Amino acid sequence: MSALHVFLGPSLPAADALAVAPRALLLPPVRHGDLLRLPARAGDTVLVVDGLFHQSLPVRHKEVLHLLDRGVRVFGSSSMGALRAAELHPFGMTGLGRIFAMYRDGVLTADDEVAVAHAGDGDFRAVGDPLVNIRHGARQAARAGVVTHDEAARVVESARALPFPSRSWRLAVRRTGGLDPAAGERLLAWIAAHRVETDLKRLDALEALAFVTSPEGTADAPAGPPWPPLREAGSPQLWRTDRLRGWTLRHDVREADGRDVPAGAEIHYAQLTDPALPARWYAACLRRMADLPVVPAAAGARGLAEAEAKVLAEAAERGLTLATLRPDHVGTLLSDAERSGLSRDAALLRLLVRLSGMSPGVLPGADDPGATDRWVAALVADRAATRAAVAAAFAANAAMTAADPRRRVHTIRPDVLRRDLGALWGTDEHAPGDLLRAARDRGFATFTAATEVFRYFAVACRESADRANAGRDRADRGTADRGIGDRESADRESADRDRADRGTADRGIGDRAAPHPVAEATAAAGAPASRLAAAGPVPEPVTGGRGQ
């Protein structure tokens, strides 16, 4: 059976909604990212009634298009749902109710007509009256002869002049200049006695719930909306922008150790510390340039030679060579060793990848909504282990702030981030060219961009470094306690340590740097430690306040 997801808040109490639609899955007012996180499948129905907009980013239009493109039916009513449906009904979102119709027809034009303040902490009970309800109630009162049409219009204008968090019937009547006090009291008494039939947002929500559970509302519909660019094969899907793909990576979350870990954090984790990531990134970029599908990380270099040959052929056709490309690009993005040690074809391919401007949010095919999952699989070798490692690093951040609220990841100095990430990559922090090339090889535009992602995992890295250094000190003291006085034996130990340090540097962690903290955390869970490292930010939820 298909699912019915309903985003509901101050427009209608949950009990009233379930009385009309017992099988509905009720969710809080929608906000940015909620539709991208929603586990809705083709044939499911989403009804948007209420949504947040003031203390949280509102639901974006492309999030609705994303659901429609997947064959999910999306309806809107009453409040935020009516607004989005009025804007998107040409593209397949279905609007229901009188408020939607008034927005669609231009009778209403201001968003704040449906805005209302509500209680926080999960209690979405309205604490004021939205202008659209005052407008509707005043019109009904005038028709009933309680007040004149002129008096009703002046009350509406008084309410419109109030900031929406302050709007209420009583304050609007009190602020209406020239209104006879007796008429004002009659109006308030009549509204109190007719709250149900004058609450237009509530009436529209009930009508929408009745429709989406009716035979007409549950009838099979064609997958996707009627707008051709969302349905026709080969149509350019210009709405599927890089920004939408970035949102998808941020809000596509999986649970690990009680924490939500987004797909984007998994990719950042691999970008920052997986020693095999540069090779995977190189292969994925070339496949994209050659119009070949990306392949899972486990596939290794399968098909890479074909991608390289196609890219080189197109480069030759376009006259792209090391000699024709800008000298500053060649000099900056290829090291002296690469220019002298690589073949011309290998050097050109490496330069084209570094010049491509691709990033994890850009690489997936523009017309392929499933490309994001394949892209994550192409860069992240072990998603379960990576999610556990990311969750451990986020827990370290939370523990630091809990111990001292003044200490937050946002207060870590940039020079500290630069030093630690340079060590993690085995790159000299004072060599800007080396840092830029290392960043480009991992899908970052600049080293600074990489450090800002690394910021969210620097705490865990430092804790790991401290543990590793303490262990090294204990090992050194143990050696001294064994009384090794023989010079030859001491020299052998010194050589062993040097080889171990060189091996650490070769793995991209940096001389004398510690193993990555989340690598330690996940190694205990059976994950290969060499793959694991830091990840990107996850915005904390924002709750309560004002909604539509």
Foldseek 3Di string as FASTA:
>chain_A
DAAEEEADFALADPVVLCVQVVRYDYDHQAADLPLLQDPHAALHEYEHQWHAPDLGPHHDLVSVQLCLLRNYAYEYWQAVRLVSCLVCVVFHHHYFADSSVCCVVVVDPDNQQRWFWAFWPPHRHTPAAHLVLLLQLLVVCCVVVLDPNVLSVLLSVLQVPDDRHPHHLVNSLVSRPPDDPVSSVSSVVVCVVVVPVSSRSNVRSSVVSNQCPDCNNSPDDPRHGPPVLSDPPPRQVVSLDLVVLVSSQQSHWDDAPRDTDGLQFLLLFQLQFQLCQLVLLLQLLLCLVLVHAFAFQVVPCVPSVVSLVSVVVVCVVVVDFCVPDDPVLLPQQADPCRVPPPDRSVSSSLSCLLVVLAALSRRFDSSDPPRNVRSSRSRRPDRNLQNNLQVVLLVLQVVVCVVPVVDHLVPDDLVLLLVQSCQQQLHDSVDQSRQCNSSSSSRHNGNSRSSQFCSSRVSLQVVQLVVQVVVVVVVVVVVVVVVPPDPVVVVVVVVVVVVVQVVSSVLRNHRSGGQARSLVVSVVVVDRSSSGHGTGDRDDDDIRTMMD
